[in-house]
């Protein structure tokens, strides 16, 4: 298994605290953050329903968690970049974080609409808009490194 569920459970509260703390510290609009969170979980739910309702697709908990983790990691990366820029004295970076989050809002909304369309048609429709393709590239990059990190920890845990 690429994802160790016990490790995720152990650190889930710390991850949430980091994200919430970052939102507060960076003074990010809480409405945008709340809407984005709702859309991320709604998209995950629609994706789950889509994978169960379309005969050519498979549902697995591993895919479910991987997809959710990728979206959370994207938020964490945005927060880390904003924190670094704030530490370096760039005060106007808050605007860029807000713009990126709004782009993510748009992407999640389009993904939900596309997922509902796929459920209705009972066939998979791919997201082919620019935002989806850009975020897919970022997700592929994150997945590659997430897999490397997880395998590193798995190998080190076995050595202990």
N, C-alpha and C. Protein backbone atom coordinates (compact mmCIF):
# COMPACT_ATOMS: atom_id res chain seq x y z
N UNK A 1 0.83 -1.19 0.00
CA UNK A 1 0.00 0.00 0.00
C UNK A 1 0.87 1.25 0.00
N UNK A 2 0.57 2.19 -0.88
CA UNK A 2 1.33 3.43 -0.93
C UNK A 2 0.97 4.37 0.21
N UNK A 3 -0.22 4.22 0.73
CA UNK A 3 -0.69 5.11 1.77
C UNK A 3 -0.85 4.31 3.05
N UNK A 4 -0.16 4.72 4.08
CA UNK A 4 -0.30 4.09 5.37
C UNK A 4 -1.39 4.84 6.12
N UNK A 5 -2.56 4.21 6.25
CA UNK A 5 -3.73 4.89 6.82
C UNK A 5 -3.52 5.24 8.28
N UNK A 6 -2.77 4.43 9.01
CA UNK A 6 -2.53 4.72 10.43
C UNK A 6 -1.68 5.97 10.59
N UNK A 7 -0.71 6.16 9.70
CA UNK A 7 0.12 7.36 9.75
C UNK A 7 -0.74 8.58 9.44
N UNK A 8 -1.63 8.44 8.44
CA UNK A 8 -2.53 9.56 8.10
C UNK A 8 -3.41 9.93 9.28
N UNK A 9 -3.99 8.92 9.93
CA UNK A 9 -4.86 9.18 11.07
C UNK A 9 -4.10 9.89 12.18
N UNK A 10 -2.87 9.45 12.40
CA UNK A 10 -2.05 9.99 13.48
C UNK A 10 -1.78 11.48 13.29
N UNK A 11 -1.55 11.91 12.07
CA UNK A 11 -1.16 13.29 11.81
C UNK A 11 -2.28 14.14 11.23
N UNK A 12 -3.47 13.64 11.09
CA UNK A 12 -4.56 14.38 10.48
C UNK A 12 -4.87 15.67 11.24
N UNK A 13 -4.95 15.61 12.56
CA UNK A 13 -5.25 16.82 13.35
C UNK A 13 -4.16 17.86 13.22
N UNK A 14 -2.90 17.42 13.15
CA UNK A 14 -1.79 18.35 12.99
C UNK A 14 -1.85 19.04 11.63
N UNK A 15 -2.20 18.29 10.60
CA UNK A 15 -2.34 18.86 9.26
C UNK A 15 -3.44 19.91 9.24
N UNK A 16 -4.59 19.56 9.83
CA UNK A 16 -5.71 20.52 9.88
C UNK A 16 -5.31 21.77 10.66
N UNK A 17 -4.64 21.60 11.79
CA UNK A 17 -4.23 22.75 12.60
C UNK A 17 -3.27 23.64 11.82
N UNK A 18 -2.37 23.03 11.06
CA UNK A 18 -1.43 23.80 10.25
C UNK A 18 -2.18 24.63 9.19
N UNK A 19 -3.12 23.99 8.52
CA UNK A 19 -3.88 24.69 7.47
C UNK A 19 -4.70 25.83 8.07
N UNK A 20 -5.43 25.56 9.16
CA UNK A 20 -6.25 26.60 9.79
C UNK A 20 -5.37 27.74 10.30
N UNK A 21 -4.26 27.37 10.94
CA UNK A 21 -3.35 28.39 11.45
C UNK A 21 -2.78 29.26 10.33
N UNK A 22 -2.47 28.64 9.21
CA UNK A 22 -1.96 29.38 8.06
C UNK A 22 -3.01 30.33 7.52
N UNK A 23 -4.25 29.87 7.42
CA UNK A 23 -5.33 30.74 6.95
C UNK A 23 -5.46 31.96 7.84
N UNK A 24 -5.42 31.74 9.15
CA UNK A 24 -5.57 32.84 10.10
C UNK A 24 -4.38 33.80 10.00
N UNK A 25 -3.18 33.24 10.04
CA UNK A 25 -1.98 34.07 10.01
C UNK A 25 -1.87 34.88 8.73
N UNK A 26 -2.23 34.27 7.61
CA UNK A 26 -2.12 34.95 6.31
C UNK A 26 -3.33 35.83 6.02
N UNK A 27 -4.30 35.84 6.93
CA UNK A 27 -5.51 36.64 6.80
C UNK A 27 -6.24 36.36 5.49
N UNK A 28 -6.32 35.09 5.16
CA UNK A 28 -7.04 34.68 3.96
C UNK A 28 -8.53 34.75 4.25
N UNK A 29 -9.27 35.21 3.28
CA UNK A 29 -10.72 35.32 3.43
C UNK A 29 -11.30 33.97 3.83
N UNK A 30 -11.94 33.93 5.00
CA UNK A 30 -12.44 32.65 5.49
C UNK A 30 -13.59 32.11 4.64
N UNK A 31 -14.31 32.99 3.96
CA UNK A 31 -15.36 32.51 3.06
C UNK A 31 -14.78 31.72 1.90
N UNK A 32 -13.70 32.23 1.32
CA UNK A 32 -13.04 31.52 0.21
C UNK A 32 -12.53 30.17 0.70
N UNK A 33 -11.90 30.17 1.87
CA UNK A 33 -11.37 28.92 2.43
C UNK A 33 -12.49 27.93 2.70
N UNK A 34 -13.60 28.40 3.27
CA UNK A 34 -14.72 27.52 3.59
C UNK A 34 -15.37 26.96 2.32
N UNK A 35 -15.57 27.84 1.34
CA UNK A 35 -16.18 27.40 0.08
C UNK A 35 -15.27 26.41 -0.63
N UNK A 36 -13.97 26.68 -0.64
CA UNK A 36 -13.03 25.77 -1.27
C UNK A 36 -13.04 24.41 -0.58
N UNK A 37 -13.08 24.41 0.73
CA UNK A 37 -13.13 23.15 1.48
C UNK A 37 -14.39 22.37 1.14
N UNK A 38 -15.52 23.05 1.10
CA UNK A 38 -16.79 22.40 0.76
C UNK A 38 -16.73 21.84 -0.66
N UNK A 39 -16.19 22.62 -1.58
CA UNK A 39 -16.10 22.15 -2.97
C UNK A 39 -15.14 20.97 -3.11
N UNK A 40 -14.05 20.98 -2.37
CA UNK A 40 -13.10 19.85 -2.44
C UNK A 40 -13.79 18.57 -1.98
N UNK A 41 -14.50 18.64 -0.86
CA UNK A 41 -15.17 17.43 -0.37
C UNK A 41 -16.36 17.06 -1.25
N UNK A 42 -17.05 18.05 -1.82
CA UNK A 42 -18.15 17.75 -2.75
C UNK A 42 -17.62 17.08 -4.01
N UNK A 43 -16.51 17.58 -4.52
CA UNK A 43 -15.91 16.97 -5.71
C UNK A 43 -15.46 15.55 -5.42
N UNK A 44 -14.93 15.33 -4.24
CA UNK A 44 -14.53 13.98 -3.85
C UNK A 44 -15.75 13.06 -3.79
N UNK A 45 -16.85 13.55 -3.23
CA UNK A 45 -18.09 12.76 -3.16
C UNK A 45 -18.63 12.47 -4.56
N UNK A 46 -18.67 13.49 -5.41
CA UNK A 46 -19.15 13.30 -6.78
C UNK A 46 -18.24 12.32 -7.53
N UNK A 47 -16.94 12.43 -7.33
CA UNK A 47 -16.00 11.50 -7.96
C UNK A 47 -16.21 10.07 -7.50
N UNK A 48 -16.52 9.91 -6.21
CA UNK A 48 -16.81 8.57 -5.68
C UNK A 48 -18.07 8.00 -6.32
N UNK A 49 -19.12 8.81 -6.38
CA UNK A 49 -20.37 8.38 -6.99
C UNK A 49 -20.14 8.05 -8.46
N UNK A 50 -19.36 8.89 -9.14
CA UNK A 50 -19.05 8.67 -10.55
C UNK A 50 -18.32 7.33 -10.74
N UNK A 51 -17.34 7.06 -9.91
CA UNK A 51 -16.57 5.82 -10.09
C UNK A 51 -17.39 4.58 -9.78
N UNK A 52 -18.41 4.72 -8.95
CA UNK A 52 -19.28 3.58 -8.64
C UNK A 52 -20.36 3.41 -9.71
N UNK A 53 -20.83 4.52 -10.28
CA UNK A 53 -21.96 4.44 -11.21
C UNK A 53 -21.57 4.18 -12.66
N UNK A 54 -20.30 4.41 -13.01
CA UNK A 54 -19.87 4.17 -14.39
C UNK A 54 -19.22 2.79 -14.45
N UNK A 55 -19.77 1.90 -15.30
CA UNK A 55 -19.29 0.52 -15.32
C UNK A 55 -17.80 0.35 -15.66
N UNK A 56 -17.23 1.27 -16.45
CA UNK A 56 -15.83 1.11 -16.85
C UNK A 56 -14.85 1.64 -15.80
N UNK A 57 -15.35 2.22 -14.73
CA UNK A 57 -14.48 2.78 -13.70
C UNK A 57 -14.50 1.89 -12.46
N UNK A 58 -13.42 1.94 -11.71
CA UNK A 58 -13.31 1.19 -10.46
C UNK A 58 -13.21 2.17 -9.30
N UNK A 59 -13.79 1.78 -8.18
CA UNK A 59 -13.62 2.56 -6.97
C UNK A 59 -12.68 1.82 -6.04
N UNK A 60 -11.73 2.55 -5.48
CA UNK A 60 -10.88 1.96 -4.44
C UNK A 60 -10.59 3.03 -3.40
N UNK A 61 -10.45 2.58 -2.17
CA UNK A 61 -10.15 3.52 -1.09
C UNK A 61 -8.79 4.18 -1.31
N UNK A 62 -7.87 3.45 -1.91
CA UNK A 62 -6.55 4.03 -2.16
C UNK A 62 -6.65 5.22 -3.11
N UNK A 63 -7.43 5.07 -4.20
CA UNK A 63 -7.62 6.19 -5.13
C UNK A 63 -8.33 7.34 -4.44
N UNK A 64 -9.31 7.00 -3.61
CA UNK A 64 -10.07 8.01 -2.88
C UNK A 64 -9.14 8.86 -2.02
N UNK A 65 -8.34 8.19 -1.17
CA UNK A 65 -7.45 8.91 -0.26
C UNK A 65 -6.35 9.65 -1.01
N UNK A 66 -5.83 9.03 -2.07
CA UNK A 66 -4.79 9.70 -2.85
C UNK A 66 -5.31 11.00 -3.45
N UNK A 67 -6.51 10.97 -4.01
CA UNK A 67 -7.11 12.17 -4.59
C UNK A 67 -7.32 13.26 -3.56
N UNK A 68 -7.82 12.86 -2.40
CA UNK A 68 -8.07 13.83 -1.34
C UNK A 68 -6.75 14.40 -0.81
N UNK A 69 -5.75 13.55 -0.65
CA UNK A 69 -4.45 14.01 -0.16
C UNK A 69 -3.80 14.97 -1.16
N UNK A 70 -3.95 14.70 -2.46
CA UNK A 70 -3.37 15.60 -3.46
C UNK A 70 -3.96 16.99 -3.35
N UNK A 71 -5.26 17.06 -3.12
CA UNK A 71 -5.90 18.37 -3.01
C UNK A 71 -5.46 19.09 -1.74
N UNK A 72 -5.35 18.37 -0.65
CA UNK A 72 -4.88 18.97 0.60
C UNK A 72 -3.43 19.42 0.46
N UNK A 73 -2.60 18.61 -0.21
CA UNK A 73 -1.20 18.99 -0.41
C UNK A 73 -1.07 20.26 -1.25
N UNK A 74 -1.95 20.42 -2.22
CA UNK A 74 -1.93 21.64 -3.02
C UNK A 74 -2.20 22.85 -2.13
N UNK A 75 -3.15 22.72 -1.22
CA UNK A 75 -3.43 23.81 -0.28
C UNK A 75 -2.23 24.06 0.63
N UNK A 76 -1.59 22.99 1.09
CA UNK A 76 -0.44 23.15 1.98
C UNK A 76 0.70 23.86 1.25
N UNK A 77 0.94 23.50 0.00
CA UNK A 77 2.01 24.14 -0.76
C UNK A 77 1.73 25.63 -0.92
N UNK A 78 0.49 25.98 -1.19
CA UNK A 78 0.12 27.40 -1.30
C UNK A 78 0.40 28.12 0.01
N UNK A 79 0.03 27.48 1.11
CA UNK A 79 0.25 28.09 2.42
C UNK A 79 1.75 28.24 2.72
N UNK A 80 2.54 27.23 2.39
CA UNK A 80 3.98 27.30 2.64
C UNK A 80 4.60 28.42 1.82
N UNK A 81 4.23 28.53 0.56
CA UNK A 81 4.76 29.61 -0.28
C UNK A 81 4.39 30.98 0.29
N UNK A 82 3.15 31.10 0.75
CA UNK A 82 2.72 32.37 1.32
C UNK A 82 3.48 32.68 2.61
N UNK A 83 3.70 31.66 3.44
CA UNK A 83 4.44 31.88 4.68
C UNK A 83 5.89 32.27 4.40
N UNK A 84 6.51 31.61 3.44
CA UNK A 84 7.90 31.95 3.08
C UNK A 84 7.96 33.38 2.57
N UNK A 85 7.03 33.75 1.69
CA UNK A 85 7.05 35.11 1.15
C UNK A 85 6.81 36.14 2.24
N UNK A 86 5.95 35.82 3.19
CA UNK A 86 5.70 36.75 4.30
C UNK A 86 6.96 36.87 5.16
N UNK A 87 7.64 35.74 5.37
CA UNK A 87 8.89 35.75 6.12
C UNK A 87 9.98 36.56 5.44
N UNK A 88 9.94 36.60 4.12
CA UNK A 88 10.92 37.37 3.36
C UNK A 88 10.53 38.83 3.20
N UNK A 89 9.34 39.19 3.71
CA UNK A 89 8.94 40.59 3.71
C UNK A 89 8.04 41.01 2.56
N UNK A 90 7.57 40.07 1.75
CA UNK A 90 6.66 40.41 0.66
C UNK A 90 5.24 40.47 1.23
N UNK A 91 4.72 41.66 1.41
CA UNK A 91 3.40 41.84 2.03
C UNK A 91 2.24 41.63 1.07
N UNK A 92 2.48 41.78 -0.22
CA UNK A 92 1.38 41.69 -1.18
C UNK A 92 1.14 40.26 -1.69
N UNK A 93 1.79 39.28 -1.10
CA UNK A 93 1.62 37.89 -1.55
C UNK A 93 0.24 37.35 -1.20
N UNK A 94 -0.43 37.98 -0.22
CA UNK A 94 -1.78 37.56 0.17
C UNK A 94 -2.72 37.58 -1.04
N UNK A 95 -2.56 38.56 -1.89
CA UNK A 95 -3.40 38.67 -3.09
C UNK A 95 -3.19 37.48 -4.01
N UNK A 96 -1.93 37.08 -4.18
CA UNK A 96 -1.64 35.95 -5.06
C UNK A 96 -2.24 34.66 -4.50
N UNK A 97 -2.16 34.47 -3.18
CA UNK A 97 -2.74 33.28 -2.56
C UNK A 97 -4.25 33.26 -2.79
N UNK A 98 -4.88 34.42 -2.63
CA UNK A 98 -6.32 34.51 -2.85
C UNK A 98 -6.68 34.19 -4.30
N UNK A 99 -5.89 34.69 -5.24
CA UNK A 99 -6.13 34.41 -6.66
C UNK A 99 -5.98 32.91 -6.94
N UNK A 100 -4.93 32.30 -6.39
CA UNK A 100 -4.72 30.86 -6.60
C UNK A 100 -5.88 30.06 -6.01
N UNK A 101 -6.35 30.46 -4.84
CA UNK A 101 -7.48 29.76 -4.23
C UNK A 101 -8.75 29.94 -5.05
N UNK A 102 -8.92 31.10 -5.65
CA UNK A 102 -10.09 31.31 -6.51
C UNK A 102 -9.99 30.45 -7.78
N UNK A 103 -8.78 30.28 -8.29
CA UNK A 103 -8.58 29.39 -9.44
C UNK A 103 -8.94 27.96 -9.03
N UNK A 104 -8.52 27.57 -7.82
CA UNK A 104 -8.87 26.24 -7.33
C UNK A 104 -10.39 26.10 -7.16
N UNK A 105 -11.06 27.17 -6.71
CA UNK A 105 -12.52 27.16 -6.61
C UNK A 105 -13.15 26.88 -7.97
N UNK A 106 -12.66 27.60 -8.96
CA UNK A 106 -13.17 27.42 -10.32
C UNK A 106 -12.94 25.99 -10.80
N UNK A 107 -11.74 25.47 -10.54
CA UNK A 107 -11.42 24.11 -10.96
C UNK A 107 -12.32 23.08 -10.28
N UNK A 108 -12.52 23.23 -8.98
CA UNK A 108 -13.38 22.29 -8.26
C UNK A 108 -14.83 22.37 -8.77
N UNK A 109 -15.30 23.58 -9.03
CA UNK A 109 -16.64 23.74 -9.57
C UNK A 109 -16.80 23.07 -10.92
N UNK A 110 -15.82 23.29 -11.80
CA UNK A 110 -15.86 22.64 -13.12
C UNK A 110 -15.79 21.12 -13.00
N UNK A 111 -14.99 20.65 -12.07
CA UNK A 111 -14.86 19.21 -11.86
C UNK A 111 -16.17 18.60 -11.37
N UNK A 112 -16.85 19.30 -10.48
CA UNK A 112 -18.15 18.81 -9.99
C UNK A 112 -19.16 18.76 -11.12
N UNK A 113 -19.22 19.82 -11.91
CA UNK A 113 -20.15 19.85 -13.05
C UNK A 113 -19.84 18.72 -14.02
N UNK A 114 -18.56 18.53 -14.31
CA UNK A 114 -18.15 17.46 -15.21
C UNK A 114 -18.46 16.09 -14.62
N UNK A 115 -18.28 15.94 -13.31
CA UNK A 115 -18.60 14.68 -12.65
C UNK A 115 -20.08 14.36 -12.71
N UNK A 116 -20.90 15.37 -12.47
CA UNK A 116 -22.36 15.17 -12.55
C UNK A 116 -22.75 14.81 -13.97
N UNK A 117 -22.14 15.48 -14.93
CA UNK A 117 -22.40 15.16 -16.35
C UNK A 117 -22.01 13.72 -16.66
N UNK A 118 -20.89 13.27 -16.12
CA UNK A 118 -20.45 11.89 -16.34
C UNK A 118 -21.40 10.90 -15.70
N UNK A 119 -21.87 11.21 -14.49
CA UNK A 119 -22.83 10.33 -13.82
C UNK A 119 -24.12 10.26 -14.63
N UNK A 120 -24.58 11.39 -15.11
CA UNK A 120 -25.82 11.43 -15.89
C UNK A 120 -25.69 10.63 -17.19
N UNK A 121 -24.57 10.80 -17.90
CA UNK A 121 -24.35 10.11 -19.17
C UNK A 121 -23.85 8.69 -19.00
N UNK A 122 -23.44 8.31 -17.78
CA UNK A 122 -22.88 7.00 -17.47
C UNK A 122 -21.63 6.70 -18.31
N UNK A 123 -20.86 7.75 -18.58
CA UNK A 123 -19.55 7.59 -19.22
C UNK A 123 -18.66 8.71 -18.73
N UNK A 124 -17.36 8.43 -18.71
CA UNK A 124 -16.43 9.40 -18.15
C UNK A 124 -16.15 10.51 -19.15
N UNK A 125 -16.30 11.74 -18.68
CA UNK A 125 -15.92 12.92 -19.44
C UNK A 125 -14.68 13.50 -18.77
N UNK A 126 -13.63 13.67 -19.51
CA UNK A 126 -12.38 14.21 -18.97
C UNK A 126 -12.46 15.73 -18.89
N UNK A 127 -11.79 16.29 -17.90
CA UNK A 127 -11.66 17.74 -17.79
C UNK A 127 -10.54 18.18 -18.73
N UNK A 128 -10.87 18.96 -19.75
CA UNK A 128 -9.88 19.37 -20.74
C UNK A 128 -9.65 20.88 -20.79
N UNK A 129 -10.15 21.61 -19.79
CA UNK A 129 -9.92 23.05 -19.79
C UNK A 129 -8.52 23.34 -19.27
N UNK A 130 -8.04 24.54 -19.51
CA UNK A 130 -6.67 24.92 -19.16
C UNK A 130 -6.38 24.76 -17.67
N UNK A 131 -7.31 25.20 -16.83
CA UNK A 131 -7.10 25.13 -15.39
C UNK A 131 -6.96 23.69 -14.94
N UNK A 132 -7.83 22.82 -15.44
CA UNK A 132 -7.76 21.41 -15.06
C UNK A 132 -6.46 20.77 -15.51
N UNK A 133 -6.01 21.11 -16.71
CA UNK A 133 -4.75 20.55 -17.21
C UNK A 133 -3.56 21.05 -16.39
N UNK A 134 -3.57 22.33 -16.03
CA UNK A 134 -2.49 22.88 -15.22
C UNK A 134 -2.46 22.23 -13.85
N UNK A 135 -3.61 22.11 -13.22
CA UNK A 135 -3.67 21.50 -11.89
C UNK A 135 -3.33 20.02 -11.98
N UNK A 136 -3.69 19.34 -13.07
CA UNK A 136 -3.32 17.94 -13.24
C UNK A 136 -1.81 17.78 -13.30
N UNK A 137 -1.13 18.70 -13.99
CA UNK A 137 0.34 18.66 -14.04
C UNK A 137 0.93 18.83 -12.64
N UNK A 138 0.38 19.76 -11.88
CA UNK A 138 0.85 19.98 -10.52
C UNK A 138 0.58 18.75 -9.67
N UNK A 139 -0.62 18.16 -9.82
CA UNK A 139 -0.97 16.96 -9.07
C UNK A 139 -0.04 15.80 -9.42
N UNK A 140 0.29 15.64 -10.70
CA UNK A 140 1.22 14.57 -11.10
C UNK A 140 2.57 14.76 -10.44
N UNK A 141 3.03 15.99 -10.41
CA UNK A 141 4.30 16.31 -9.77
C UNK A 141 4.23 15.98 -8.28
N UNK A 142 3.14 16.39 -7.62
CA UNK A 142 2.97 16.12 -6.20
C UNK A 142 2.87 14.63 -5.92
N UNK A 143 2.13 13.91 -6.76
CA UNK A 143 1.98 12.47 -6.58
C UNK A 143 3.32 11.77 -6.68
N UNK A 144 4.12 12.17 -7.63
CA UNK A 144 5.44 11.56 -7.82
C UNK A 144 6.26 11.70 -6.54
N UNK A 145 6.29 12.91 -6.00
CA UNK A 145 7.09 13.14 -4.80
C UNK A 145 6.44 12.57 -3.54
N UNK A 146 5.10 12.56 -3.49
CA UNK A 146 4.41 11.93 -2.37
C UNK A 146 4.73 10.44 -2.33
N UNK A 147 4.70 9.78 -3.48
CA UNK A 147 5.04 8.36 -3.54
C UNK A 147 6.47 8.12 -3.09
N UNK A 148 7.39 8.99 -3.50
CA UNK A 148 8.79 8.86 -3.08
C UNK A 148 8.93 9.02 -1.56
N UNK A 149 8.26 10.01 -1.02
CA UNK A 149 8.34 10.26 0.42
C UNK A 149 7.75 9.09 1.19
N UNK A 150 6.57 8.63 0.77
CA UNK A 150 5.93 7.53 1.47
C UNK A 150 6.75 6.25 1.39
N UNK A 151 7.34 5.98 0.24
CA UNK A 151 8.17 4.78 0.12
C UNK A 151 9.43 4.92 0.98
N UNK A 152 9.97 6.12 1.10
CA UNK A 152 11.13 6.36 1.96
C UNK A 152 10.78 6.02 3.41
N UNK A 153 9.61 6.53 3.87
CA UNK A 153 9.21 6.26 5.25
C UNK A 153 8.86 4.80 5.45
N UNK A 154 8.23 4.17 4.46
CA UNK A 154 7.93 2.74 4.55
C UNK A 154 9.21 1.93 4.67
N UNK A 155 10.22 2.25 3.85
CA UNK A 155 11.49 1.52 3.91
C UNK A 155 12.22 1.74 5.23
N UNK A 156 12.18 2.96 5.74
CA UNK A 156 12.84 3.24 7.01
C UNK A 156 12.11 2.62 8.18
N UNK A 157 10.79 2.53 8.11
CA UNK A 157 10.02 1.90 9.17
C UNK A 157 10.32 0.42 9.24
N UNK A 158 10.50 -0.23 8.08
CA UNK A 158 10.80 -1.66 8.04
C UNK A 158 12.18 -1.94 8.62
N UNK A 159 13.09 -0.98 8.50
CA UNK A 159 14.45 -1.17 9.02
C UNK A 159 14.51 -1.10 10.54
N UNK A 160 13.52 -0.43 11.15
CA UNK A 160 13.53 -0.27 12.60
C UNK A 160 13.18 -1.51 13.28
